[in-house]
Amino acid sequence: MPRQLVFVHGRSQQHKNASDLKRAWITAWQHGLAKSGLELPIDESDIRFPYYGDTLFALVDPDHAGEIPPVLVRGAVPDEDPAQQEFVAAVAREAQQALGIPDESVNAAATAVGPQERGPQNWRWVHAVLTAIDTHLPAGSGLALSLATHDVYQYLHNQGIRDAIDDGVRAALTGDQETVVVGHSLGSVVTYNLLTLQGNALGWKVPLYVTVGCPLGISAIRRTLAPVGHPDCAPRWFNARDKRDVVALFPLDPGHFDVDPAVVNKDDVDNDTSNRHGISGYLSDAEVAKRVHDAVVG
């Protein structure tokens, strides 16, 4: 029986057509394959694309359909959720340190940001860090980190959101067929959680697990998932990142995600999307595309 392939997307996919999104992922993969003289190794019907974009958007922010939640654009989170505030602040602190953004840049951004209407006393500093990131990295990187952090927090801490997303992704894998799994951004957190906690019990066989634009190495996320481990149902794990992708802040190496067997990391992807985080910039990478291809072929 031929192997299947499952693509699991990240955030900001609301109000999109699932078939069009799947086609965009396949097209990007085809571009990457062409760099090695390869073509699609399986029929498109054997590529599954569980779509949860509208579900996530409605569950996370049902009052702001059709727009980016204003509270996120301001860099704030609801006053009644101090745990989420601290989670986002911890990610901001680690990002500033890891990216080498000097305090002077953050202070300048804080002055430009001005007083905030909501949030704790340090929330202007968090917004300033996100603004400073955009001056040191491609425009939109700070917003990408803020939005990804928000949705990862909601997935990890809101049982209803997690169950709704997990149900859809779980249905894409079966225990009677080997399946290569590719997770992008939030999708890498979702797939990691499912493969680690449920993969064996459900009889999943994943010859290769691929993560791209993956935030699992960020301390606040890793601590929430602790103890971390290598999914038993996936003997091989390949992780690829563009070092300029602020969502994929760290490689999944022993210093940031110590598992056995170790994750194989590729840190030199040249992601040509505007914020260095888009899926097309990852799947069109020649090595990423070929590794997925070879795993599917077996």
Foldseek 3Di string as FASTA:
>chain_A
DFFAEEEEEAEPCPPHDQVVVLVLLQVLLQLLQVVVPDGFPDDSVRYHYQDCHNVLCCVLCVPDPPDDPPCLVLQHDDPVCVVLVVLLVLLLVVLCVLLVPDVVQLVVQLVVSDDDPDDDPCSSSSVSSLVSLVVVAFHPLSSVQSVLSSSLCCCLPPVVSVVVVLVRSVVSFALPHEYAYEAARSRVVSVQVCLAPPVVVRNYAHQEYEYELYQCLRPSNVVSVPPHEDRPNYPAYEYEYECSRSSNVDWCACVRPNYPPGHHYHHHQPQPDRSRRDSSSVSSNNVSSVVVSVSSRD
